[in-house]
mmCIF file of all heavy atoms, coordinates in Angstrom:
data_MODEL
# 
_entry.id   MODEL 
# 
loop_
_atom_site.group_PDB 
_atom_site.id 
_atom_site.type_symbol 
_atom_site.label_atom_id 
_atom_site.label_alt_id 
_atom_site.label_comp_id 
_atom_site.label_asym_id 
_atom_site.label_entity_id 
_atom_site.label_seq_id 
_atom_site.pdbx_PDB_ins_code 
_atom_site.Cartn_x 
_atom_site.Cartn_y 
_atom_site.Cartn_z 
_atom_site.occupancy 
_atom_site.B_iso_or_equiv 
_atom_site.pdbx_formal_charge 
_atom_site.auth_seq_id 
_atom_site.auth_comp_id 
_atom_site.auth_asym_id 
_atom_site.auth_atom_id 
_atom_site.pdbx_PDB_model_num 
ATOM 1   N N   . ARG A 1 1  ? -5.530 -6.673  1.898  1.00 0.00 ? 1  ARG A N   1 
ATOM 2   C CA  . ARG A 1 1  ? -4.242 -7.067  1.333  1.00 0.00 ? 1  ARG A CA  1 
ATOM 3   C C   . ARG A 1 1  ? -3.072 -6.660  2.237  1.00 0.00 ? 1  ARG A C   1 
ATOM 4   O O   . ARG A 1 1  ? -1.982 -7.244  2.116  1.00 0.00 ? 1  ARG A O   1 
ATOM 5   C CB  . ARG A 1 1  ? -4.037 -6.448  -0.050 1.00 0.00 ? 1  ARG A CB  1 
ATOM 6   C CG  . ARG A 1 1  ? -5.019 -6.979  -1.083 1.00 0.00 ? 1  ARG A CG  1 
ATOM 7   C CD  . ARG A 1 1  ? -4.849 -6.236  -2.388 1.00 0.00 ? 1  ARG A CD  1 
ATOM 8   N NE  . ARG A 1 1  ? -5.112 -4.813  -2.229 1.00 0.00 ? 1  ARG A NE  1 
ATOM 9   C CZ  . ARG A 1 1  ? -4.798 -3.886  -3.141 1.00 0.00 ? 1  ARG A CZ  1 
ATOM 10  N NH1 . ARG A 1 1  ? -4.196 -4.225  -4.256 1.00 0.00 ? 1  ARG A NH1 1 
ATOM 11  N NH2 . ARG A 1 1  ? -5.102 -2.603  -2.898 1.00 0.00 ? 1  ARG A NH2 1 
ATOM 12  N N   . VAL A 1 2  ? -3.264 -5.720  3.135  1.00 0.00 ? 2  VAL A N   1 
ATOM 13  C CA  . VAL A 1 2  ? -2.158 -5.250  4.014  1.00 0.00 ? 2  VAL A CA  1 
ATOM 14  C C   . VAL A 1 2  ? -1.943 -6.205  5.187  1.00 0.00 ? 2  VAL A C   1 
ATOM 15  O O   . VAL A 1 2  ? -0.861 -6.318  5.720  1.00 0.00 ? 2  VAL A O   1 
ATOM 16  C CB  . VAL A 1 2  ? -2.450 -3.809  4.499  1.00 0.00 ? 2  VAL A CB  1 
ATOM 17  C CG1 . VAL A 1 2  ? -1.344 -3.309  5.427  1.00 0.00 ? 2  VAL A CG1 1 
ATOM 18  C CG2 . VAL A 1 2  ? -2.599 -2.881  3.328  1.00 0.00 ? 2  VAL A CG2 1 
ATOM 19  N N   . TYR A 1 3  ? -3.023 -6.927  5.584  1.00 0.00 ? 3  TYR A N   1 
ATOM 20  C CA  . TYR A 1 3  ? -2.891 -7.881  6.699  1.00 0.00 ? 3  TYR A CA  1 
ATOM 21  C C   . TYR A 1 3  ? -2.094 -9.100  6.228  1.00 0.00 ? 3  TYR A C   1 
ATOM 22  O O   . TYR A 1 3  ? -2.417 -9.706  5.186  1.00 0.00 ? 3  TYR A O   1 
ATOM 23  C CB  . TYR A 1 3  ? -4.272 -8.334  7.170  1.00 0.00 ? 3  TYR A CB  1 
ATOM 24  C CG  . TYR A 1 3  ? -4.221 -9.337  8.259  1.00 0.00 ? 3  TYR A CG  1 
ATOM 25  C CD1 . TYR A 1 3  ? -3.859 -8.963  9.555  1.00 0.00 ? 3  TYR A CD1 1 
ATOM 26  C CD2 . TYR A 1 3  ? -4.543 -10.677 8.027  1.00 0.00 ? 3  TYR A CD2 1 
ATOM 27  C CE1 . TYR A 1 3  ? -3.789 -9.912  10.570 1.00 0.00 ? 3  TYR A CE1 1 
ATOM 28  C CE2 . TYR A 1 3  ? -4.490 -11.607 9.052  1.00 0.00 ? 3  TYR A CE2 1 
ATOM 29  C CZ  . TYR A 1 3  ? -4.103 -11.229 10.326 1.00 0.00 ? 3  TYR A CZ  1 
ATOM 30  O OH  . TYR A 1 3  ? -4.034 -12.155 11.325 1.00 0.00 ? 3  TYR A OH  1 
ATOM 31  N N   . ASP A 1 4  ? -1.041 -9.439  6.959  1.00 0.00 ? 4  ASP A N   1 
ATOM 32  C CA  . ASP A 1 4  ? -0.200 -10.609 6.628  1.00 0.00 ? 4  ASP A CA  1 
ATOM 33  C C   . ASP A 1 4  ? 0.354  -10.544 5.226  1.00 0.00 ? 4  ASP A C   1 
ATOM 34  O O   . ASP A 1 4  ? 0.497  -11.574 4.569  1.00 0.00 ? 4  ASP A O   1 
ATOM 35  C CB  . ASP A 1 4  ? -1.011 -11.884 6.883  1.00 0.00 ? 4  ASP A CB  1 
ATOM 36  C CG  . ASP A 1 4  ? -0.092 -13.108 7.070  1.00 0.00 ? 4  ASP A CG  1 
ATOM 37  O OD1 . ASP A 1 4  ? 1.053  -12.926 7.495  1.00 0.00 ? 4  ASP A OD1 1 
ATOM 38  O OD2 . ASP A 1 4  ? -0.559 -14.231 6.793  1.00 0.00 ? 4  ASP A OD2 1 
ATOM 39  N N   . ALA A 1 5  ? 0.690  -9.358  4.748  1.00 0.00 ? 5  ALA A N   1 
ATOM 40  C CA  . ALA A 1 5  ? 1.129  -9.159  3.380  1.00 0.00 ? 5  ALA A CA  1 
ATOM 41  C C   . ALA A 1 5  ? 2.623  -9.279  3.231  1.00 0.00 ? 5  ALA A C   1 
ATOM 42  O O   . ALA A 1 5  ? 3.390  -8.841  4.090  1.00 0.00 ? 5  ALA A O   1 
ATOM 43  C CB  . ALA A 1 5  ? 0.678  -7.790  2.873  1.00 0.00 ? 5  ALA A CB  1 
ATOM 44  N N   . GLY A 1 6  ? 3.038  -9.780  2.083  1.00 0.00 ? 6  GLY A N   1 
ATOM 45  C CA  . GLY A 1 6  ? 4.434  -9.786  1.704  1.00 0.00 ? 6  GLY A CA  1 
ATOM 46  C C   . GLY A 1 6  ? 4.705  -8.569  0.803  1.00 0.00 ? 6  GLY A C   1 
ATOM 47  O O   . GLY A 1 6  ? 3.819  -7.758  0.506  1.00 0.00 ? 6  GLY A O   1 
ATOM 48  N N   . LEU A 1 7  ? 5.918  -8.500  0.325  1.00 0.00 ? 7  LEU A N   1 
ATOM 49  C CA  . LEU A 1 7  ? 6.354  -7.364  -0.441 1.00 0.00 ? 7  LEU A CA  1 
ATOM 50  C C   . LEU A 1 7  ? 5.526  -7.141  -1.724 1.00 0.00 ? 7  LEU A C   1 
ATOM 51  O O   . LEU A 1 7  ? 5.123  -6.019  -2.008 1.00 0.00 ? 7  LEU A O   1 
ATOM 52  C CB  . LEU A 1 7  ? 7.834  -7.503  -0.790 1.00 0.00 ? 7  LEU A CB  1 
ATOM 53  C CG  . LEU A 1 7  ? 8.414  -6.367  -1.645 1.00 0.00 ? 7  LEU A CG  1 
ATOM 54  C CD1 . LEU A 1 7  ? 8.276  -5.018  -0.952 1.00 0.00 ? 7  LEU A CD1 1 
ATOM 55  C CD2 . LEU A 1 7  ? 9.864  -6.648  -1.967 1.00 0.00 ? 7  LEU A CD2 1 
ATOM 56  N N   . SER A 1 8  ? 5.272  -8.175  -2.482 1.00 0.00 ? 8  SER A N   1 
ATOM 57  C CA  . SER A 1 8  ? 4.546  -7.984  -3.724 1.00 0.00 ? 8  SER A CA  1 
ATOM 58  C C   . SER A 1 8  ? 3.142  -7.429  -3.509 1.00 0.00 ? 8  SER A C   1 
ATOM 59  O O   . SER A 1 8  ? 2.677  -6.565  -4.243 1.00 0.00 ? 8  SER A O   1 
ATOM 60  C CB  . SER A 1 8  ? 4.525  -9.280  -4.569 1.00 0.00 ? 8  SER A CB  1 
ATOM 61  O OG  . SER A 1 8  ? 3.841  -10.288 -3.879 1.00 0.00 ? 8  SER A OG  1 
ATOM 62  N N   . ALA A 1 9  ? 2.461  -7.930  -2.494 1.00 0.00 ? 9  ALA A N   1 
ATOM 63  C CA  . ALA A 1 9  ? 1.119  -7.432  -2.188 1.00 0.00 ? 9  ALA A CA  1 
ATOM 64  C C   . ALA A 1 9  ? 1.170  -5.981  -1.734 1.00 0.00 ? 9  ALA A C   1 
ATOM 65  O O   . ALA A 1 9  ? 0.329  -5.142  -2.138 1.00 0.00 ? 9  ALA A O   1 
ATOM 66  C CB  . ALA A 1 9  ? 0.456  -8.294  -1.108 1.00 0.00 ? 9  ALA A CB  1 
ATOM 67  N N   . LEU A 1 10 ? 2.172  -5.623  -0.928 1.00 0.00 ? 10 LEU A N   1 
ATOM 68  C CA  . LEU A 1 10 ? 2.280  -4.241  -0.428 1.00 0.00 ? 10 LEU A CA  1 
ATOM 69  C C   . LEU A 1 10 ? 2.646  -3.283  -1.577 1.00 0.00 ? 10 LEU A C   1 
ATOM 70  O O   . LEU A 1 10 ? 2.134  -2.165  -1.622 1.00 0.00 ? 10 LEU A O   1 
ATOM 71  C CB  . LEU A 1 10 ? 3.316  -4.182  0.700  1.00 0.00 ? 10 LEU A CB  1 
ATOM 72  C CG  . LEU A 1 10 ? 2.801  -4.855  1.990  1.00 0.00 ? 10 LEU A CG  1 
ATOM 73  C CD1 . LEU A 1 10 ? 3.958  -4.991  2.972  1.00 0.00 ? 10 LEU A CD1 1 
ATOM 74  C CD2 . LEU A 1 10 ? 1.658  -4.095  2.600  1.00 0.00 ? 10 LEU A CD2 1 
ATOM 75  N N   . LEU A 1 11 ? 3.494  -3.722  -2.470 1.00 0.00 ? 11 LEU A N   1 
ATOM 76  C CA  . LEU A 1 11 ? 3.807  -2.892  -3.658 1.00 0.00 ? 11 LEU A CA  1 
ATOM 77  C C   . LEU A 1 11 ? 2.550  -2.668  -4.465 1.00 0.00 ? 11 LEU A C   1 
ATOM 78  O O   . LEU A 1 11 ? 2.293  -1.538  -4.961 1.00 0.00 ? 11 LEU A O   1 
ATOM 79  C CB  . LEU A 1 11 ? 4.900  -3.526  -4.487 1.00 0.00 ? 11 LEU A CB  1 
ATOM 80  C CG  . LEU A 1 11 ? 6.322  -3.384  -3.982 1.00 0.00 ? 11 LEU A CG  1 
ATOM 81  C CD1 . LEU A 1 11 ? 7.294  -4.236  -4.820 1.00 0.00 ? 11 LEU A CD1 1 
ATOM 82  C CD2 . LEU A 1 11 ? 6.778  -1.912  -3.999 1.00 0.00 ? 11 LEU A CD2 1 
ATOM 83  N N   . ALA A 1 12 ? 1.709  -3.676  -4.623 1.00 0.00 ? 12 ALA A N   1 
ATOM 84  C CA  . ALA A 1 12 ? 0.460  -3.535  -5.346 1.00 0.00 ? 12 ALA A CA  1 
ATOM 85  C C   . ALA A 1 12 ? -0.455 -2.537  -4.655 1.00 0.00 ? 12 ALA A C   1 
ATOM 86  O O   . ALA A 1 12 ? -1.138 -1.715  -5.316 1.00 0.00 ? 12 ALA A O   1 
ATOM 87  C CB  . ALA A 1 12 ? -0.233 -4.875  -5.528 1.00 0.00 ? 12 ALA A CB  1 
ATOM 88  N N   . VAL A 1 13 ? -0.499 -2.573  -3.352 1.00 0.00 ? 13 VAL A N   1 
ATOM 89  C CA  . VAL A 1 13 ? -1.327 -1.613  -2.589 1.00 0.00 ? 13 VAL A CA  1 
ATOM 90  C C   . VAL A 1 13 ? -0.851 -0.206  -2.833 1.00 0.00 ? 13 VAL A C   1 
ATOM 91  O O   . VAL A 1 13 ? -1.646 0.699   -3.136 1.00 0.00 ? 13 VAL A O   1 
ATOM 92  C CB  . VAL A 1 13 ? -1.286 -1.960  -1.082 1.00 0.00 ? 13 VAL A CB  1 
ATOM 93  C CG1 . VAL A 1 13 ? -1.843 -0.840  -0.237 1.00 0.00 ? 13 VAL A CG1 1 
ATOM 94  C CG2 . VAL A 1 13 ? -2.051 -3.252  -0.812 1.00 0.00 ? 13 VAL A CG2 1 
ATOM 95  N N   . VAL A 1 14 ? 0.447  0.015   -2.709 1.00 0.00 ? 14 VAL A N   1 
ATOM 96  C CA  . VAL A 1 14 ? 1.016  1.366   -2.923 1.00 0.00 ? 14 VAL A CA  1 
ATOM 97  C C   . VAL A 1 14 ? 0.751  1.833   -4.370 1.00 0.00 ? 14 VAL A C   1 
ATOM 98  O O   . VAL A 1 14 ? 0.329  2.972   -4.613 1.00 0.00 ? 14 VAL A O   1 
ATOM 99  C CB  . VAL A 1 14 ? 2.504  1.442   -2.575 1.00 0.00 ? 14 VAL A CB  1 
ATOM 100 C CG1 . VAL A 1 14 ? 3.149  2.748   -2.982 1.00 0.00 ? 14 VAL A CG1 1 
ATOM 101 C CG2 . VAL A 1 14 ? 2.687  1.193   -1.066 1.00 0.00 ? 14 VAL A CG2 1 
ATOM 102 N N   . ARG A 1 15 ? 0.995  0.943   -5.317 1.00 0.00 ? 15 ARG A N   1 
ATOM 103 C CA  . ARG A 1 15 ? 0.834  1.296   -6.728 1.00 0.00 ? 15 ARG A CA  1 
ATOM 104 C C   . ARG A 1 15 ? -0.615 1.641   -7.073 1.00 0.00 ? 15 ARG A C   1 
ATOM 105 O O   . ARG A 1 15 ? -0.887 2.364   -8.014 1.00 0.00 ? 15 ARG A O   1 
ATOM 106 C CB  . ARG A 1 15 ? 1.301  0.165   -7.608 1.00 0.00 ? 15 ARG A CB  1 
ATOM 107 C CG  . ARG A 1 15 ? 2.820  0.005   -7.617 1.00 0.00 ? 15 ARG A CG  1 
ATOM 108 C CD  . ARG A 1 15 ? 3.247  -1.191  -8.423 1.00 0.00 ? 15 ARG A CD  1 
ATOM 109 N NE  . ARG A 1 15 ? 4.676  -1.393  -8.368 1.00 0.00 ? 15 ARG A NE  1 
ATOM 110 C CZ  . ARG A 1 15 ? 5.258  -2.598  -8.340 1.00 0.00 ? 15 ARG A CZ  1 
ATOM 111 N NH1 . ARG A 1 15 ? 4.556  -3.713  -8.399 1.00 0.00 ? 15 ARG A NH1 1 
ATOM 112 N NH2 . ARG A 1 15 ? 6.568  -2.675  -8.271 1.00 0.00 ? 15 ARG A NH2 1 
ATOM 113 N N   . GLY A 1 16 ? -1.525 1.112   -6.287 1.00 0.00 ? 16 GLY A N   1 
ATOM 114 C CA  . GLY A 1 16 ? -2.982 1.376   -6.495 1.00 0.00 ? 16 GLY A CA  1 
ATOM 115 C C   . GLY A 1 16 ? -3.477 2.567   -5.757 1.00 0.00 ? 16 GLY A C   1 
ATOM 116 O O   . GLY A 1 16 ? -4.695 2.871   -5.826 1.00 0.00 ? 16 GLY A O   1 
ATOM 117 N N   . ALA A 1 17 ? -2.626 3.286   -5.035 1.00 0.00 ? 17 ALA A N   1 
ATOM 118 C CA  . ALA A 1 17 ? -3.118 4.462   -4.288 1.00 0.00 ? 17 ALA A CA  1 
ATOM 119 C C   . ALA A 1 17 ? -3.632 5.532   -5.236 1.00 0.00 ? 17 ALA A C   1 
ATOM 120 O O   . ALA A 1 17 ? -3.175 5.601   -6.393 1.00 0.00 ? 17 ALA A O   1 
ATOM 121 C CB  . ALA A 1 17 ? -1.945 5.041   -3.460 1.00 0.00 ? 17 ALA A CB  1 
ATOM 122 N N   . PRO A 1 18 ? -4.593 6.318   -4.773 1.00 0.00 ? 18 PRO A N   1 
ATOM 123 C CA  . PRO A 1 18 ? -5.144 7.373   -5.631 1.00 0.00 ? 18 PRO A CA  1 
ATOM 124 C C   . PRO A 1 18 ? -4.056 8.296   -6.128 1.00 0.00 ? 18 PRO A C   1 
ATOM 125 O O   . PRO A 1 18 ? -3.232 8.766   -5.364 1.00 0.00 ? 18 PRO A O   1 
ATOM 126 C CB  . PRO A 1 18 ? -6.122 8.119   -4.704 1.00 0.00 ? 18 PRO A CB  1 
ATOM 127 C CG  . PRO A 1 18 ? -6.437 7.133   -3.637 1.00 0.00 ? 18 PRO A CG  1 
ATOM 128 C CD  . PRO A 1 18 ? -5.206 6.295   -3.470 1.00 0.00 ? 18 PRO A CD  1 
ATOM 129 N N   . PRO A 1 19 ? -4.050 8.573   -7.439 1.00 0.00 ? 19 PRO A N   1 
ATOM 130 C CA  . PRO A 1 19 ? -2.974 9.426   -7.969 1.00 0.00 ? 19 PRO A CA  1 
ATOM 131 C C   . PRO A 1 19 ? -2.988 10.863  -7.430 1.00 0.00 ? 19 PRO A C   1 
ATOM 132 O O   . PRO A 1 19 ? -1.983 11.533  -7.498 1.00 0.00 ? 19 PRO A O   1 
ATOM 133 C CB  . PRO A 1 19 ? -3.242 9.418   -9.500 1.00 0.00 ? 19 PRO A CB  1 
ATOM 134 C CG  . PRO A 1 19 ? -4.620 8.867   -9.681 1.00 0.00 ? 19 PRO A CG  1 
ATOM 135 C CD  . PRO A 1 19 ? -4.960 8.094   -8.446 1.00 0.00 ? 19 PRO A CD  1 
ATOM 136 N N   . THR A 1 20 ? -4.107 11.303  -6.899 1.00 0.00 ? 20 THR A N   1 
ATOM 137 C CA  . THR A 1 20 ? -4.185 12.661  -6.353 1.00 0.00 ? 20 THR A CA  1 
ATOM 138 C C   . THR A 1 20 ? -3.519 12.769  -4.967 1.00 0.00 ? 20 THR A C   1 
ATOM 139 O O   . THR A 1 20 ? -3.243 13.869  -4.525 1.00 0.00 ? 20 THR A O   1 
ATOM 140 C CB  . THR A 1 20 ? -5.634 13.098  -6.207 1.00 0.00 ? 20 THR A CB  1 
ATOM 141 O OG1 . THR A 1 20 ? -6.371 12.128  -5.436 1.00 0.00 ? 20 THR A OG1 1 
ATOM 142 C CG2 . THR A 1 20 ? -6.301 13.267  -7.590 1.00 0.00 ? 20 THR A CG2 1 
ATOM 143 N N   . SER A 1 21 ? -3.222 11.649  -4.331 1.00 0.00 ? 21 SER A N   1 
ATOM 144 C CA  . SER A 1 21 ? -2.606 11.633  -3.025 1.00 0.00 ? 21 SER A CA  1 
ATOM 145 C C   . SER A 1 21 ? -1.132 12.032  -3.183 1.00 0.00 ? 21 SER A C   1 
ATOM 146 O O   . SER A 1 21 ? -0.403 11.486  -3.991 1.00 0.00 ? 21 SER A O   1 
ATOM 147 C CB  . SER A 1 21 ? -2.726 10.245  -2.375 1.00 0.00 ? 21 SER A CB  1 
ATOM 148 O OG  . SER A 1 21 ? -2.002 10.241  -1.178 1.00 0.00 ? 21 SER A OG  1 
ATOM 149 N N   . ARG A 1 22 ? -0.687 12.948  -2.327 1.00 0.00 ? 22 ARG A N   1 
ATOM 150 C CA  . ARG A 1 22 ? 0.722  13.353  -2.307 1.00 0.00 ? 22 ARG A CA  1 
ATOM 151 C C   . ARG A 1 22 ? 1.482  12.723  -1.148 1.00 0.00 ? 22 ARG A C   1 
ATOM 152 O O   . ARG A 1 22 ? 2.703  12.602  -1.206 1.00 0.00 ? 22 ARG A O   1 
ATOM 153 C CB  . ARG A 1 22 ? 0.838  14.883  -2.197 1.00 0.00 ? 22 ARG A CB  1 
ATOM 154 C CG  . ARG A 1 22 ? 0.085  15.652  -3.283 1.00 0.00 ? 22 ARG A CG  1 
ATOM 155 C CD  . ARG A 1 22 ? 0.562  15.445  -4.672 1.00 0.00 ? 22 ARG A CD  1 
ATOM 156 N NE  . ARG A 1 22 ? 1.936  15.884  -4.829 1.00 0.00 ? 22 ARG A NE  1 
ATOM 157 C CZ  . ARG A 1 22 ? 2.687  15.598  -5.866 1.00 0.00 ? 22 ARG A CZ  1 
ATOM 158 N NH1 . ARG A 1 22 ? 2.225  14.854  -6.855 1.00 0.00 ? 22 ARG A NH1 1 
ATOM 159 N NH2 . ARG A 1 22 ? 3.912  16.048  -5.938 1.00 0.00 ? 22 ARG A NH2 1 
ATOM 160 N N   . ALA A 1 23 ? 0.753  12.369  -0.073 1.00 0.00 ? 23 ALA A N   1 
ATOM 161 C CA  . ALA A 1 23 ? 1.400  11.803  1.096  1.00 0.00 ? 23 ALA A CA  1 
ATOM 162 C C   . ALA A 1 23 ? 0.544  10.630  1.579  1.00 0.00 ? 23 ALA A C   1 
ATOM 163 O O   . ALA A 1 23 ? -0.565 10.808  2.085  1.00 0.00 ? 23 ALA A O   1 
ATOM 164 C CB  . ALA A 1 23 ? 1.530  12.832  2.232  1.00 0.00 ? 23 ALA A CB  1 
ATOM 165 N N   . LEU A 1 24 ? 1.031  9.413   1.395  1.00 0.00 ? 24 LEU A N   1 
ATOM 166 C CA  . LEU A 1 24 ? 0.310  8.193   1.685  1.00 0.00 ? 24 LEU A CA  1 
ATOM 167 C C   . LEU A 1 24 ? 0.931  7.502   2.899  1.00 0.00 ? 24 LEU A C   1 
ATOM 168 O O   . LEU A 1 24 ? 2.137  7.278   2.947  1.00 0.00 ? 24 LEU A O   1 
ATOM 169 C CB  . LEU A 1 24 ? 0.391  7.261   0.486  1.00 0.00 ? 24 LEU A CB  1 
ATOM 170 C CG  . LEU A 1 24 ? -0.165 5.860   0.646  1.00 0.00 ? 24 LEU A CG  1 
ATOM 171 C CD1 . LEU A 1 24 ? -1.678 5.921   0.772  1.00 0.00 ? 24 LEU A CD1 1 
ATOM 172 C CD2 . LEU A 1 24 ? 0.238  4.996   -0.561 1.00 0.00 ? 24 LEU A CD2 1 
ATOM 173 N N   . MET A 1 25 ? 0.072  7.147   3.844  1.00 0.00 ? 25 MET A N   1 
ATOM 174 C CA  . MET A 1 25 ? 0.497  6.337   4.994  1.00 0.00 ? 25 MET A CA  1 
ATOM 175 C C   . MET A 1 25 ? -0.061 4.917   4.831  1.00 0.00 ? 25 MET A C   1 
ATOM 176 O O   . MET A 1 25 ? -1.218 4.770   4.564  1.00 0.00 ? 25 MET A O   1 
ATOM 177 C CB  . MET A 1 25 ? 0.007  6.944   6.324  1.00 0.00 ? 25 MET A CB  1 
ATOM 178 C CG  . MET A 1 25 ? 0.327  6.098   7.526  1.00 0.00 ? 25 MET A CG  1 
ATOM 179 S SD  . MET A 1 25 ? -0.359 6.755   9.066  1.00 0.00 ? 25 MET A SD  1 
ATOM 180 C CE  . MET A 1 25 ? 1.047  7.693   9.611  1.00 0.00 ? 25 MET A CE  1 
ATOM 181 N N   . VAL A 1 26 ? 0.820  3.940   5.025  1.00 0.00 ? 26 VAL A N   1 
ATOM 182 C CA  . VAL A 1 26 ? 0.404  2.553   5.056  1.00 0.00 ? 26 VAL A CA  1 
ATOM 183 C C   . VAL A 1 26 ? 0.621  2.076   6.492  1.00 0.00 ? 26 VAL A C   1 
ATOM 184 O O   . VAL A 1 26 ? 1.745  2.181   7.013  1.00 0.00 ? 26 VAL A O   1 
ATOM 185 C CB  . VAL A 1 26 ? 1.200  1.674   4.073  1.00 0.00 ? 26 VAL A CB  1 
ATOM 186 C CG1 . VAL A 1 26 ? 0.761  0.207   4.166  1.00 0.00 ? 26 VAL A CG1 1 
ATOM 187 C CG2 . VAL A 1 26 ? 0.995  2.188   2.642  1.00 0.00 ? 26 VAL A CG2 1 
ATOM 188 N N   . VAL A 1 27 ? -0.431 1.536   7.140  1.00 0.00 ? 27 VAL A N   1 
ATOM 189 C CA  . VAL A 1 27 ? -0.329 1.070   8.490  1.00 0.00 ? 27 VAL A CA  1 
ATOM 190 C C   . VAL A 1 27 ? -0.524 -0.470  8.456  1.00 0.00 ? 27 VAL A C   1 
ATOM 191 O O   . VAL A 1 27 ? -1.595 -0.937  8.035  1.00 0.00 ? 27 VAL A O   1 
ATOM 192 C CB  . VAL A 1 27 ? -1.412 1.712   9.422  1.00 0.00 ? 27 VAL A CB  1 
ATOM 193 C CG1 . VAL A 1 27 ? -1.231 1.236   10.875 1.00 0.00 ? 27 VAL A CG1 1 
ATOM 194 C CG2 . VAL A 1 27 ? -1.341 3.213   9.327  1.00 0.00 ? 27 VAL A CG2 1 
ATOM 195 N N   . GLY A 1 28 ? 0.514  -1.188  8.844  1.00 0.00 ? 28 GLY A N   1 
ATOM 196 C CA  . GLY A 1 28 ? 0.430  -2.632  8.764  1.00 0.00 ? 28 GLY A CA  1 
ATOM 197 C C   . GLY A 1 28 ? 1.306  -3.361  9.758  1.00 0.00 ? 28 GLY A C   1 
ATOM 198 O O   . GLY A 1 28 ? 1.503  -2.863  10.864 1.00 0.00 ? 28 GLY A O   1 
ATOM 199 N N   . HIS A 1 29 ? 1.777  -4.500  9.339  1.00 0.00 ? 29 HIS A N   1 
ATOM 200 C CA  . HIS A 1 29 ? 2.414  -5.455  10.250 1.00 0.00 ? 29 HIS A CA  1 
ATOM 201 C C   . HIS A 1 29 ? 3.818  -5.806  9.730  1.00 0.00 ? 29 HIS A C   1 
ATOM 202 O O   . HIS A 1 29 ? 4.135  -5.639  8.555  1.00 0.00 ? 29 HIS A O   1 
ATOM 203 C CB  . HIS A 1 29 ? 1.585  -6.768  10.279 1.00 0.00 ? 29 HIS A CB  1 
ATOM 204 C CG  . HIS A 1 29 ? 0.152  -6.516  10.433 1.00 0.00 ? 29 HIS A CG  1 
ATOM 205 N ND1 . HIS A 1 29 ? -0.468 -6.555  11.681 1.00 0.00 ? 29 HIS A ND1 1 
ATOM 206 C CD2 . HIS A 1 29 ? -0.850 -6.238  9.547  1.00 0.00 ? 29 HIS A CD2 1 
ATOM 207 C CE1 . HIS A 1 29 ? -1.765 -6.273  11.534 1.00 0.00 ? 29 HIS A CE1 1 
ATOM 208 N NE2 . HIS A 1 29 ? -2.013 -6.103  10.270 1.00 0.00 ? 29 HIS A NE2 1 
# 
């Protein structure tokens, strides 16, 4: 979903991150 993604897809990716994570890195385009 991060490849060639627009804002709505990227927000969904972030919202779906594991709740135990305190520092999340997203590497994309």
